[in-house]
PDB file of N, CA and C in Angstrom:
ATOM      1  N   MET A   1     -40.455 -21.428   3.051  1.00  0.00           N
ATOM      2  CA  MET A   1     -39.585 -20.458   2.419  1.00  0.00           C
ATOM      3  C   MET A   1     -38.491 -20.156   3.289  1.00  0.00           C
ATOM      4  N   ASP A   2     -37.272 -20.275   2.946  1.00  0.00           N
ATOM      5  CA  ASP A   2     -36.138 -20.107   3.742  1.00  0.00           C
ATOM      6  C   ASP A   2     -35.744 -18.683   3.762  1.00  0.00           C
ATOM      7  N   TYR A   3     -35.400 -18.274   4.807  1.00  0.00           N
ATOM      8  CA  TYR A   3     -34.705 -16.835   5.008  1.00  0.00           C
ATOM      9  C   TYR A   3     -33.185 -16.938   5.052  1.00  0.00           C
ATOM     10  N   THR A   4     -32.569 -16.222   4.076  1.00  0.00           N
ATOM     11  CA  THR A   4     -31.062 -16.095   4.172  1.00  0.00           C
ATOM     12  C   THR A   4     -30.727 -14.860   4.344  1.00  0.00           C
ATOM     13  N   PRO A   5     -30.144 -14.544   5.454  1.00  0.00           N
ATOM     14  CA  PRO A   5     -29.613 -13.075   5.784  1.00  0.00           C
ATOM     15  C   PRO A   5     -28.568 -12.642   4.692  1.00  0.00           C
ATOM     16  N   VAL A   6     -28.717 -11.335   4.294  1.00  0.00           N
ATOM     17  CA  VAL A   6     -27.896 -10.760   3.153  1.00  0.00           C
ATOM     18  C   VAL A   6     -26.621 -10.315   3.925  1.00  0.00           C
ATOM     19  N   GLN A   7     -25.558 -10.652   3.371  1.00  0.00           N
ATOM     20  CA  GLN A   7     -24.232 -10.232   3.931  1.00  0.00           C
ATOM     21  C   GLN A   7     -23.805  -8.910   3.356  1.00  0.00           C
ATOM     22  N   THR A   8     -23.543  -7.992   4.136  1.00  0.00           N
ATOM     23  CA  THR A   8     -23.122  -6.782   3.528  1.00  0.00           C
ATOM     24  C   THR A   8     -21.535  -6.646   3.614  1.00  0.00           C
ATOM     25  N   SER A   9     -20.895  -5.716   2.928  1.00  0.00           N
ATOM     26  CA  SER A   9     -19.614  -5.552   2.864  1.00  0.00           C
ATOM     27  C   SER A   9     -19.234  -4.373   3.836  1.00  0.00           C
ATOM     28  N   GLY A  10     -20.102  -3.994   4.555  1.00  0.00           N
ATOM     29  CA  GLY A  10     -19.653  -2.755   5.474  1.00  0.00           C
ATOM     30  C   GLY A  10     -18.599  -3.137   6.420  1.00  0.00           C
ATOM     31  N   GLY A  11     -18.036  -2.132   6.982  1.00  0.00           N
ATOM     32  CA  GLY A  11     -17.018  -2.422   8.076  1.00  0.00           C
ATOM     33  C   GLY A  11     -17.675  -2.615   9.372  1.00  0.00           C
ATOM     34  N   SER A  12     -16.756  -3.223  10.205  1.00  0.00           N
ATOM     35  CA  SER A  12     -17.250  -3.301  11.457  1.00  0.00           C
ATOM     36  C   SER A  12     -17.229  -2.131  12.535  1.00  0.00           C
ATOM     37  N   PRO A  13     -18.079  -2.021  13.365  1.00  0.00           N
ATOM     38  CA  PRO A  13     -18.078  -0.721  14.297  1.00  0.00           C
ATOM     39  C   PRO A  13     -16.681  -0.643  14.997  1.00  0.00           C
ATOM     40  N   PHE A  14     -15.938  -1.796  15.224  1.00  0.00           N
ATOM     41  CA  PHE A  14     -14.596  -1.579  15.765  1.00  0.00           C
ATOM     42  C   PHE A  14     -13.752  -0.833  14.833  1.00  0.00           C
ATOM     43  N   MET A  15     -13.727  -1.021  13.600  1.00  0.00           N
ATOM     44  CA  MET A  15     -12.962  -0.454  12.655  1.00  0.00           C
ATOM     45  C   MET A  15     -13.198   1.167  12.478  1.00  0.00           C
ATOM     46  N   LEU A  16     -14.562   1.435  12.620  1.00  0.00           N
ATOM     47  CA  LEU A  16     -14.970   2.828  12.554  1.00  0.00           C
ATOM     48  C   LEU A  16     -14.342   3.501  13.891  1.00  0.00           C
ATOM     49  N   LEU A  17     -14.529   2.878  14.981  1.00  0.00           N
ATOM     50  CA  LEU A  17     -14.093   3.430  16.095  1.00  0.00           C
ATOM     51  C   LEU A  17     -12.491   3.634  16.171  1.00  0.00           C
ATOM     52  N   LEU A  18     -11.843   2.688  15.609  1.00  0.00           N
ATOM     53  CA  LEU A  18     -10.375   2.778  15.480  1.00  0.00           C
ATOM     54  C   LEU A  18     -10.007   3.913  14.517  1.00  0.00           C
ATOM     55  N   VAL A  19     -10.765   4.126  13.433  1.00  0.00           N
ATOM     56  CA  VAL A  19     -10.397   5.271  12.666  1.00  0.00           C
ATOM     57  C   VAL A  19     -10.711   6.605  13.275  1.00  0.00           C
ATOM     58  N   VAL A  20     -11.896   6.710  13.948  1.00  0.00           N
ATOM     59  CA  VAL A  20     -12.133   7.984  14.641  1.00  0.00           C
ATOM     60  C   VAL A  20     -11.000   8.293  15.659  1.00  0.00           C
ATOM     61  N   LEU A  21     -10.655   7.151  16.457  1.00  0.00           N
ATOM     62  CA  LEU A  21      -9.642   7.521  17.523  1.00  0.00           C
ATOM     63  C   LEU A  21      -8.324   7.952  16.859  1.00  0.00           C
ATOM     64  N   VAL A  22      -7.889   7.275  15.771  1.00  0.00           N
ATOM     65  CA  VAL A  22      -6.667   7.647  15.069  1.00  0.00           C
ATOM     66  C   VAL A  22      -6.842   9.137  14.656  1.00  0.00           C
ATOM     67  N   ALA A  23      -7.954   9.557  14.043  1.00  0.00           N
ATOM     68  CA  ALA A  23      -8.150  10.928  13.591  1.00  0.00           C
ATOM     69  C   ALA A  23      -7.967  11.838  14.782  1.00  0.00           C
ATOM     70  N   TYR A  24      -8.720  11.470  15.752  1.00  0.00           N
ATOM     71  CA  TYR A  24      -8.700  12.352  17.057  1.00  0.00           C
ATOM     72  C   TYR A  24      -7.246  12.606  17.734  1.00  0.00           C
ATOM     73  N   ALA A  25      -6.515  11.466  17.734  1.00  0.00           N
ATOM     74  CA  ALA A  25      -5.047  11.515  18.303  1.00  0.00           C
ATOM     75  C   ALA A  25      -4.355  12.342  17.255  1.00  0.00           C
ATOM     76  N   TYR A  26      -4.491  12.269  15.917  1.00  0.00           N
ATOM     77  CA  TYR A  26      -3.710  13.114  15.059  1.00  0.00           C
ATOM     78  C   TYR A  26      -4.044  14.513  15.089  1.00  0.00           C
ATOM     79  N   MET A  27      -5.390  14.831  15.279  1.00  0.00           N
ATOM     80  CA  MET A  27      -5.654  16.241  15.363  1.00  0.00           C
ATOM     81  C   MET A  27      -5.262  16.833  16.716  1.00  0.00           C
ATOM     82  N   SER A  28      -5.348  16.061  17.835  1.00  0.00           N
ATOM     83  CA  SER A  28      -4.885  16.497  19.156  1.00  0.00           C
ATOM     84  C   SER A  28      -3.262  16.824  19.056  1.00  0.00           C
ATOM     85  N   PHE A  29      -2.648  15.808  18.575  1.00  0.00           N
ATOM     86  CA  PHE A  29      -1.163  16.048  18.519  1.00  0.00           C
ATOM     87  C   PHE A  29      -0.775  17.301  17.731  1.00  0.00           C
ATOM     88  N   SER A  30      -1.445  17.412  16.651  1.00  0.00           N
ATOM     89  CA  SER A  30      -1.310  18.599  15.618  1.00  0.00           C
ATOM     90  C   SER A  30      -1.446  19.914  16.398  1.00  0.00           C
ATOM     91  N   ILE A  31      -2.682  19.889  17.127  1.00  0.00           N
ATOM     92  CA  ILE A  31      -3.092  21.073  17.809  1.00  0.00           C
ATOM     93  C   ILE A  31      -1.949  21.396  18.898  1.00  0.00           C
ATOM     94  N   GLN A  32      -1.562  20.419  19.743  1.00  0.00           N
ATOM     95  CA  GLN A  32      -0.651  20.390  20.626  1.00  0.00           C
ATOM     96  C   GLN A  32       0.766  21.011  20.097  1.00  0.00           C
ATOM     97  N   THR A  33       1.136  20.600  18.931  1.00  0.00           N
ATOM     98  CA  THR A  33       2.350  20.855  18.337  1.00  0.00           C
ATOM     99  C   THR A  33       2.222  22.379  17.959  1.00  0.00           C
ATOM    100  N   ILE A  34       1.225  22.908  17.320  1.00  0.00           N
ATOM    101  CA  ILE A  34       0.939  24.243  17.015  1.00  0.00           C
ATOM    102  C   ILE A  34       1.004  25.058  18.263  1.00  0.00           C
ATOM    103  N   ALA A  35       0.407  24.695  19.239  1.00  0.00           N
ATOM    104  CA  ALA A  35       0.495  25.371  20.585  1.00  0.00           C
ATOM    105  C   ALA A  35       2.025  25.652  21.134  1.00  0.00           C
ATOM    106  N   ARG A  36       2.695  24.528  20.908  1.00  0.00           N
ATOM    107  CA  ARG A  36       4.165  24.535  21.483  1.00  0.00           C
ATOM    108  C   ARG A  36       4.892  25.550  20.597  1.00  0.00           C
ATOM    109  N   LYS A  37       4.501  25.503  19.239  1.00  0.00           N
ATOM    110  CA  LYS A  37       5.472  26.271  18.334  1.00  0.00           C
ATOM    111  C   LYS A  37       5.014  27.834  18.425  1.00  0.00           C
ATOM    112  N   THR A  38       3.751  28.124  18.898  1.00  0.00           N
ATOM    113  CA  THR A  38       3.359  29.430  19.162  1.00  0.00           C
ATOM    114  C   THR A  38       3.694  29.848  20.619  1.00  0.00           C
ATOM    115  N   ASN A  39       4.295  29.073  21.322  1.00  0.00           N
ATOM    116  CA  ASN A  39       4.517  29.340  22.877  1.00  0.00           C
ATOM    117  C   ASN A  39       3.066  29.635  23.565  1.00  0.00           C
ATOM    118  N   THR A  40       2.227  28.738  23.367  1.00  0.00           N
ATOM    119  CA  THR A  40       0.909  28.985  23.946  1.00  0.00           C
ATOM    120  C   THR A  40       0.832  28.072  25.256  1.00  0.00           C
ATOM    121  N   GLU A  41       0.407  28.588  26.333  1.00  0.00           N
ATOM    122  CA  GLU A  41       0.401  27.808  27.599  1.00  0.00           C
ATOM    123  C   GLU A  41      -0.552  26.739  27.491  1.00  0.00           C
ATOM    124  N   ASN A  42      -0.433  25.744  28.322  1.00  0.00           N
ATOM    125  CA  ASN A  42      -1.465  24.547  28.414  1.00  0.00           C
ATOM    126  C   ASN A  42      -1.501  23.872  26.990  1.00  0.00           C
ATOM    127  N   ALA A  43      -0.586  23.515  26.421  1.00  0.00           N
ATOM    128  CA  ALA A  43      -0.740  22.852  25.137  1.00  0.00           C
ATOM    129  C   ALA A  43      -1.270  21.401  25.301  1.00  0.00           C
ATOM    130  N   TRP A  44      -1.331  20.848  26.470  1.00  0.00           N
ATOM    131  CA  TRP A  44      -2.046  19.535  26.723  1.00  0.00           C
ATOM    132  C   TRP A  44      -3.484  19.726  26.537  1.00  0.00           C
ATOM    133  N   TRP A  45      -3.965  20.910  26.612  1.00  0.00           N
ATOM    134  CA  TRP A  45      -5.615  21.020  26.421  1.00  0.00           C
ATOM    135  C   TRP A  45      -5.927  20.402  25.128  1.00  0.00           C
ATOM    136  N   ALA A  46      -5.082  20.351  24.236  1.00  0.00           N
ATOM    137  CA  ALA A  46      -5.348  19.816  22.876  1.00  0.00           C
ATOM    138  C   ALA A  46      -5.932  18.479  22.980  1.00  0.00           C
ATOM    139  N   TRP A  47      -5.836  17.734  23.910  1.00  0.00           N
ATOM    140  CA  TRP A  47      -6.306  16.310  24.153  1.00  0.00           C
ATOM    141  C   TRP A  47      -7.776  16.348  24.843  1.00  0.00           C
ATOM    142  N   VAL A  48      -8.243  17.484  25.247  1.00  0.00           N
ATOM    143  CA  VAL A  48      -9.454  17.466  25.963  1.00  0.00           C
ATOM    144  C   VAL A  48     -10.464  18.225  25.259  1.00  0.00           C
ATOM    145  N   PRO A  49     -11.668  17.469  24.913  1.00  0.00           N
ATOM    146  CA  PRO A  49     -12.690  18.128  24.092  1.00  0.00           C
ATOM    147  C   PRO A  49     -13.180  19.420  24.749  1.00  0.00           C
ATOM    148  N   ILE A  50     -13.438  20.368  23.929  1.00  0.00           N
ATOM    149  CA  ILE A  50     -14.033  21.723  24.313  1.00  0.00           C
ATOM    150  C   ILE A  50     -12.768  22.626  24.577  1.00  0.00           C
ATOM    151  N   LEU A  51     -11.850  22.121  25.490  1.00  0.00           N
ATOM    152  CA  LEU A  51     -10.692  22.841  25.827  1.00  0.00           C
ATOM    153  C   LEU A  51      -9.727  23.030  24.665  1.00  0.00           C
ATOM    154  N   ASN A  52      -9.809  22.072  23.714  1.00  0.00           N
ATOM    155  CA  ASN A  52      -9.104  22.173  22.566  1.00  0.00           C
ATOM    156  C   ASN A  52      -9.486  23.365  21.623  1.00  0.00           C
ATOM    157  N   VAL A  53     -10.802  23.666  21.734  1.00  0.00           N
ATOM    158  CA  VAL A  53     -11.250  24.817  20.831  1.00  0.00           C
ATOM    159  C   VAL A  53     -10.715  26.052  21.578  1.00  0.00           C
ATOM    160  N   TRP A  54     -10.873  25.992  22.944  1.00  0.00           N
ATOM    161  CA  TRP A  54     -10.308  27.087  23.759  1.00  0.00           C
ATOM    162  C   TRP A  54      -8.819  27.529  23.403  1.00  0.00           C
ATOM    163  N   LEU A  55      -8.106  26.280  23.290  1.00  0.00           N
ATOM    164  CA  LEU A  55      -6.726  26.487  23.043  1.00  0.00           C
ATOM    165  C   LEU A  55      -6.510  26.921  21.686  1.00  0.00           C
ATOM    166  N   LEU A  56      -7.288  26.617  20.648  1.00  0.00           N
ATOM    167  CA  LEU A  56      -7.093  27.199  19.370  1.00  0.00           C
ATOM    168  C   LEU A  56      -7.413  28.588  19.331  1.00  0.00           C
ATOM    169  N   CYS A  57      -8.426  29.008  20.239  1.00  0.00           N
ATOM    170  CA  CYS A  57      -8.857  30.543  20.308  1.00  0.00           C
ATOM    171  C   CYS A  57      -7.502  31.274  20.861  1.00  0.00           C
ATOM    172  N   GLN A  58      -6.958  30.647  21.847  1.00  0.00           N
ATOM    173  CA  GLN A  58      -5.758  31.353  22.492  1.00  0.00           C
ATOM    174  C   GLN A  58      -4.484  31.352  21.503  1.00  0.00           C
ATOM    175  N   ILE A  59      -4.423  30.488  20.734  1.00  0.00           N
ATOM    176  CA  ILE A  59      -3.304  30.427  19.645  1.00  0.00           C
ATOM    177  C   ILE A  59      -3.562  31.467  18.663  1.00  0.00           C
ATOM    178  N   GLY A  60      -4.869  31.604  18.236  1.00  0.00           N
ATOM    179  CA  GLY A  60      -5.194  32.702  17.268  1.00  0.00           C
ATOM    180  C   GLY A  60      -5.393  34.047  17.794  1.00  0.00           C
ATOM    181  N   GLY A  61      -5.430  34.132  19.138  1.00  0.00           N
ATOM    182  CA  GLY A  61      -5.638  35.480  19.789  1.00  0.00           C
ATOM    183  C   GLY A  61      -7.132  35.855  19.735  1.00  0.00           C
ATOM    184  N   LYS A  62      -7.963  34.921  19.795  1.00  0.00           N
ATOM    185  CA  LYS A  62      -9.398  35.242  19.763  1.00  0.00           C
ATOM    186  C   LYS A  62      -9.696  34.995  21.087  1.00  0.00           C
ATOM    187  N   PRO A  63     -11.086  35.773  21.617  1.00  0.00           N
ATOM    188  CA  PRO A  63     -11.555  35.687  22.920  1.00  0.00           C
ATOM    189  C   PRO A  63     -12.114  34.337  23.209  1.00  0.00           C
ATOM    190  N   GLY A  64     -11.909  33.766  24.381  1.00  0.00           N
ATOM    191  CA  GLY A  64     -12.319  32.531  24.788  1.00  0.00           C
ATOM    192  C   GLY A  64     -13.796  32.192  24.624  1.00  0.00           C
ATOM    193  N   TRP A  65     -14.523  33.301  24.706  1.00  0.00           N
ATOM    194  CA  TRP A  65     -16.109  33.009  24.716  1.00  0.00           C
ATOM    195  C   TRP A  65     -16.554  32.534  23.278  1.00  0.00           C
ATOM    196  N   TRP A  66     -15.661  32.729  22.206  1.00  0.00           N
ATOM    197  CA  TRP A  66     -15.946  32.124  21.071  1.00  0.00           C
ATOM    198  C   TRP A  66     -16.221  30.596  20.954  1.00  0.00           C
ATOM    199  N   VAL A  67     -15.752  29.910  22.074  1.00  0.00           N
ATOM    200  CA  VAL A  67     -16.129  28.476  22.180  1.00  0.00           C
ATOM    201  C   VAL A  67     -17.640  28.396  22.210  1.00  0.00           C
ATOM    202  N   VAL A  68     -18.298  29.196  22.908  1.00  0.00           N
ATOM    203  CA  VAL A  68     -19.793  29.177  23.036  1.00  0.00           C
ATOM    204  C   VAL A  68     -20.485  29.035  21.660  1.00  0.00           C
ATOM    205  N   LEU A  69     -19.890  29.998  20.743  1.00  0.00           N
ATOM    206  CA  LEU A  69     -20.415  30.020  19.502  1.00  0.00           C
ATOM    207  C   LEU A  69     -20.280  28.834  18.622  1.00  0.00           C
ATOM    208  N   MET A  70     -19.396  27.912  19.016  1.00  0.00           N
ATOM    209  CA  MET A  70     -19.178  26.674  18.401  1.00  0.00           C
ATOM    210  C   MET A  70     -20.320  25.699  18.647  1.00  0.00           C
ATOM    211  N   PHE A  71     -21.229  26.069  19.396  1.00  0.00           N
ATOM    212  CA  PHE A  71     -22.387  25.128  19.873  1.00  0.00           C
ATOM    213  C   PHE A  71     -23.686  25.466  18.946  1.00  0.00           C
ATOM    214  N   ILE A  72     -23.517  26.740  18.216  1.00  0.00           N
ATOM    215  CA  ILE A  72     -24.696  27.192  17.630  1.00  0.00           C
ATOM    216  C   ILE A  72     -24.626  26.698  16.082  1.00  0.00           C
ATOM    217  N   PRO A  73     -25.593  26.021  15.535  1.00  0.00           N
ATOM    218  CA  PRO A  73     -25.505  25.429  14.190  1.00  0.00           C
ATOM    219  C   PRO A  73     -25.279  26.595  13.187  1.00  0.00           C
ATOM    220  N   PHE A  74     -24.498  26.325  12.283  1.00  0.00           N
ATOM    221  CA  PHE A  74     -24.174  27.309  11.172  1.00  0.00           C
ATOM    222  C   PHE A  74     -23.264  28.260  11.487  1.00  0.00           C
ATOM    223  N   ILE A  75     -23.468  28.846  12.751  1.00  0.00           N
ATOM    224  CA  ILE A  75     -22.409  29.851  13.302  1.00  0.00           C
ATOM    225  C   ILE A  75     -21.122  29.095  13.474  1.00  0.00           C
ATOM    226  N   ASN A  76     -21.239  27.813  13.842  1.00  0.00           N
ATOM    227  CA  ASN A  76     -19.944  27.119  14.161  1.00  0.00           C
ATOM    228  C   ASN A  76     -19.173  26.972  12.837  1.00  0.00           C
ATOM    229  N   ILE A  77     -19.774  26.822  11.832  1.00  0.00           N
ATOM    230  CA  ILE A  77     -18.981  26.732  10.556  1.00  0.00           C
ATOM    231  C   ILE A  77     -18.146  27.977  10.249  1.00  0.00           C
ATOM    232  N   VAL A  78     -18.864  29.113  10.307  1.00  0.00           N
ATOM    233  CA  VAL A  78     -18.184  30.433  10.260  1.00  0.00           C
ATOM    234  C   VAL A  78     -16.823  30.568  11.354  1.00  0.00           C
ATOM    235  N   MET A  79     -17.307  30.185  12.555  1.00  0.00           N
ATOM    236  CA  MET A  79     -16.267  30.292  13.644  1.00  0.00           C
ATOM    237  C   MET A  79     -15.075  29.341  13.341  1.00  0.00           C
ATOM    238  N   THR A  80     -15.376  28.116  12.822  1.00  0.00           N
ATOM    239  CA  THR A  80     -14.283  27.180  12.496  1.00  0.00           C
ATOM    240  C   THR A  80     -13.398  27.913  11.543  1.00  0.00           C
ATOM    241  N   VAL A  81     -13.716  28.510  10.544  1.00  0.00           N
ATOM    242  CA  VAL A  81     -13.109  29.071   9.609  1.00  0.00           C
ATOM    243  C   VAL A  81     -12.222  30.298  10.226  1.00  0.00           C
ATOM    244  N   LEU A  82     -13.021  31.041  10.879  1.00  0.00           N
ATOM    245  CA  LEU A  82     -12.264  32.255  11.564  1.00  0.00           C
ATOM    246  C   LEU A  82     -11.159  31.855  12.524  1.00  0.00           C
ATOM    247  N   ILE A  83     -11.377  30.837  13.373  1.00  0.00           N
ATOM    248  CA  ILE A  83     -10.360  30.429  14.230  1.00  0.00           C
ATOM    249  C   ILE A  83      -9.313  29.856  13.462  1.00  0.00           C
ATOM    250  N   TRP A  84      -9.417  28.919  12.553  1.00  0.00           N
ATOM    251  CA  TRP A  84      -8.349  28.345  11.841  1.00  0.00           C
ATOM    252  C   TRP A  84      -7.593  29.297  10.984  1.00  0.00           C
ATOM    253  N   MET A  85      -8.213  30.372  10.538  1.00  0.00           N
ATOM    254  CA  MET A  85      -7.620  31.590   9.913  1.00  0.00           C
ATOM    255  C   MET A  85      -6.560  32.222  10.802  1.00  0.00           C
ATOM    256  N   ALA A  86      -7.046  32.547  11.960  1.00  0.00           N
ATOM    257  CA  ALA A  86      -6.292  33.138  12.989  1.00  0.00           C
ATOM    258  C   ALA A  86      -5.077  32.210  13.378  1.00  0.00           C
ATOM    259  N   VAL A  87      -5.315  30.778  13.600  1.00  0.00           N
ATOM    260  CA  VAL A  87      -4.219  29.918  13.820  1.00  0.00           C
ATOM    261  C   VAL A  87      -3.264  30.056  12.778  1.00  0.00           C
ATOM    262  N   SER A  88      -3.698  29.889  11.518  1.00  0.00           N
ATOM    263  CA  SER A  88      -2.852  29.902  10.373  1.00  0.00           C
ATOM    264  C   SER A  88      -1.808  31.320  10.285  1.00  0.00           C
ATOM    265  N   ASP A  89      -2.577  32.313  10.757  1.00  0.00           N
ATOM    266  CA  ASP A  89      -1.856  33.634  10.823  1.00  0.00           C
ATOM    267  C   ASP A  89      -0.786  33.642  11.898  1.00  0.00           C
ATOM    268  N   ALA A  90      -1.229  32.888  12.977  1.00  0.00           N
ATOM    269  CA  ALA A  90      -0.195  32.938  14.079  1.00  0.00           C
ATOM    270  C   ALA A  90       1.012  32.061  13.765  1.00  0.00           C
ATOM    271  N   ARG A  91       0.884  31.140  12.792  1.00  0.00           N
ATOM    272  CA  ARG A  91       2.022  30.341  12.249  1.00  0.00           C
ATOM    273  C   ARG A  91       2.651  30.923  11.006  1.00  0.00           C
ATOM    274  N   GLN A  92       2.263  32.220  10.784  1.00  0.00           N
ATOM    275  CA  GLN A  92       2.887  32.916   9.683  1.00  0.00           C
ATOM    276  C   GLN A  92       2.581  32.130   8.439  1.00  0.00           C
ATOM    277  N   LYS A  93       1.454  31.579   8.169  1.00  0.00           N
ATOM    278  CA  LYS A  93       0.959  30.782   6.958  1.00  0.00           C
ATOM    279  C   LYS A  93      -0.221  31.560   6.455  1.00  0.00           C
ATOM    280  N   SER A  94      -0.637  31.266   5.287  1.00  0.00           N
ATOM    281  CA  SER A  94      -1.744  31.919   4.522  1.00  0.00           C
ATOM    282  C   SER A  94      -3.138  31.681   5.338  1.00  0.00           C
ATOM    283  N   PRO A  95      -3.779  32.787   5.707  1.00  0.00           N
ATOM    284  CA  PRO A  95      -5.116  32.682   6.256  1.00  0.00           C
ATOM    285  C   PRO A  95      -6.142  31.817   5.467  1.00  0.00           C
ATOM    286  N   PHE A  96      -5.860  31.727   4.149  1.00  0.00           N
ATOM    287  CA  PHE A  96      -6.777  30.839   3.308  1.00  0.00           C
ATOM    288  C   PHE A  96      -6.953  29.434   3.860  1.00  0.00           C
ATOM    289  N   LEU A  97      -5.947  28.985   4.588  1.00  0.00           N
ATOM    290  CA  LEU A  97      -5.931  27.647   5.105  1.00  0.00           C
ATOM    291  C   LEU A  97      -7.254  27.392   5.924  1.00  0.00           C
ATOM    292  N   GLY A  98      -7.651  28.427   6.506  1.00  0.00           N
ATOM    293  CA  GLY A  98      -8.787  28.272   7.474  1.00  0.00           C
ATOM    294  C   GLY A  98      -9.994  27.857   6.647  1.00  0.00           C
ATOM    295  N   VAL A  99     -10.090  28.415   5.376  1.00  0.00           N
ATOM    296  CA  VAL A  99     -11.256  28.028   4.520  1.00  0.00           C
ATOM    297  C   VAL A  99     -11.074  26.576   4.268  1.00  0.00           C
ATOM    298  N   LEU A 100      -9.946  26.142   4.032  1.00  0.00           N
ATOM    299  CA  LEU A 100      -9.703  24.670   3.573  1.00  0.00           C
ATOM    300  C   LEU A 100     -10.125  23.750   4.693  1.00  0.00           C
ATOM    301  N   MET A 101     -10.426  24.197   5.799  1.00  0.00           N
ATOM    302  CA  MET A 101     -10.919  23.223   6.985  1.00  0.00           C
ATOM    303  C   MET A 101     -12.373  22.910   6.604  1.00  0.00           C
ATOM    304  N   LEU A 102     -13.109  23.494   5.843  1.00  0.00           N
ATOM    305  CA  LEU A 102     -14.400  23.199   5.399  1.00  0.00           C
ATOM    306  C   LEU A 102     -14.404  21.912   4.428  1.00  0.00           C
ATOM    307  N   ILE A 103     -13.247  21.608   3.794  1.00  0.00           N
ATOM    308  CA  ILE A 103     -13.244  20.580   2.717  1.00  0.00           C
ATOM    309  C   ILE A 103     -12.915  19.308   3.476  1.00  0.00           C
ATOM    310  N   PRO A 104     -13.792  18.213   3.382  1.00  0.00           N
ATOM    311  CA  PRO A 104     -13.418  16.870   3.869  1.00  0.00           C
ATOM    312  C   PRO A 104     -12.081  16.273   3.338  1.00  0.00           C
ATOM    313  N   PHE A 105     -11.299  15.723   4.150  1.00  0.00           N
ATOM    314  CA  PHE A 105     -10.043  15.251   4.060  1.00  0.00           C
ATOM    315  C   PHE A 105      -8.934  16.270   3.974  1.00  0.00           C
ATOM    316  N   LEU A 106      -9.165  17.435   3.398  1.00  0.00           N
ATOM    317  CA  LEU A 106      -8.176  18.540   3.387  1.00  0.00           C
ATOM    318  C   LEU A 106      -8.157  19.127   4.924  1.00  0.00           C
ATOM    319  N   ASN A 107      -9.325  18.880   5.553  1.00  0.00           N
ATOM    320  CA  ASN A 107      -9.253  19.377   7.076  1.00  0.00           C
ATOM    321  C   ASN A 107      -8.499  18.504   7.933  1.00  0.00           C
ATOM    322  N   LEU A 108      -7.942  17.486   7.555  1.00  0.00           N
ATOM    323  CA  LEU A 108      -7.079  16.534   8.113  1.00  0.00           C
ATOM    324  C   LEU A 108      -5.513  16.911   7.801  1.00  0.00           C
ATOM    325  N   ILE A 109      -5.455  17.568   6.585  1.00  0.00           N
ATOM    326  CA  ILE A 109      -4.109  17.799   6.156  1.00  0.00           C
ATOM    327  C   ILE A 109      -3.702  19.118   6.625  1.00  0.00           C
ATOM    328  N   VAL A 110      -4.618  20.193   6.761  1.00  0.00           N
ATOM    329  CA  VAL A 110      -4.181  21.525   7.134  1.00  0.00           C
ATOM    330  C   VAL A 110      -3.608  21.660   8.656  1.00  0.00           C
ATOM    331  N   PRO A 111      -4.261  20.925   9.655  1.00  0.00           N
ATOM    332  CA  PRO A 111      -3.479  21.019  10.941  1.00  0.00           C
ATOM    333  C   PRO A 111      -2.194  20.265  11.011  1.00  0.00           C
ATOM    334  N   GLY A 112      -1.928  19.428  10.236  1.00  0.00           N
ATOM    335  CA  GLY A 112      -0.622  18.651  10.026  1.00  0.00           C
ATOM    336  C   GLY A 112       0.397  19.585   9.397  1.00  0.00           C
ATOM    337  N   TYR A 113      -0.120  20.332   8.370  1.00  0.00           N
ATOM    338  CA  TYR A 113       0.882  21.385   7.670  1.00  0.00           C
ATOM    339  C   TYR A 113       1.098  22.470   8.701  1.00  0.00           C
ATOM    340  N   LEU A 114       0.116  22.847   9.446  1.00  0.00           N
ATOM    341  CA  LEU A 114       0.433  23.981  10.320  1.00  0.00           C
ATOM    342  C   LEU A 114       1.322  23.521  11.401  1.00  0.00           C
ATOM    343  N   ALA A 115       1.192  22.261  11.944  1.00  0.00           N
ATOM    344  CA  ALA A 115       2.034  21.825  12.989  1.00  0.00           C
ATOM    345  C   ALA A 115       3.292  21.460  12.567  1.00  0.00           C
ATOM    346  N   PHE A 116       3.462  20.830  11.367  1.00  0.00           N
ATOM    347  CA  PHE A 116       4.866  20.220  11.041  1.00  0.00           C
ATOM    348  C   PHE A 116       5.613  20.879  10.102  1.00  0.00           C
ATOM    349  N   SER A 117       5.159  22.074   9.499  1.00  0.00           N
ATOM    350  CA  SER A 117       6.121  22.855   8.618  1.00  0.00           C
ATOM    351  C   SER A 117       6.780  23.970   9.394  1.00  0.00           C
ATOM    352  N   GLU A 118       7.863  24.447   8.733  1.00  0.00           N
ATOM    353  CA  GLU A 118       8.794  25.465   9.255  1.00  0.00           C
ATOM    354  C   GLU A 118       8.154  26.818   9.255  1.00  0.00           C
TER     355      GLU A 118
END
């Protein structure tokens, strides 16, 4: 009996890595732009993991120790909404945008909107 491997139509790991890197660059650039528009120091922290959450806390006027809460399962979901609500408020936008960060694909649009809108 001959064994024929089944071909799948899945993407390559390289393509997945490329998509993740592009999404990370987009989010980092958006956070950096938000930091610059709110006159927050150290906008370059947007490119460093964990420091970018600290930067978001600074933009929103929240204490830096909230970063620790981002490591607690389920609490991190609430903290994400609260931090992005504060960031939205700092940009004079509706705090409801923080809730939209829970919805897949919209969580990619919200940072761009906050960064590049007037």
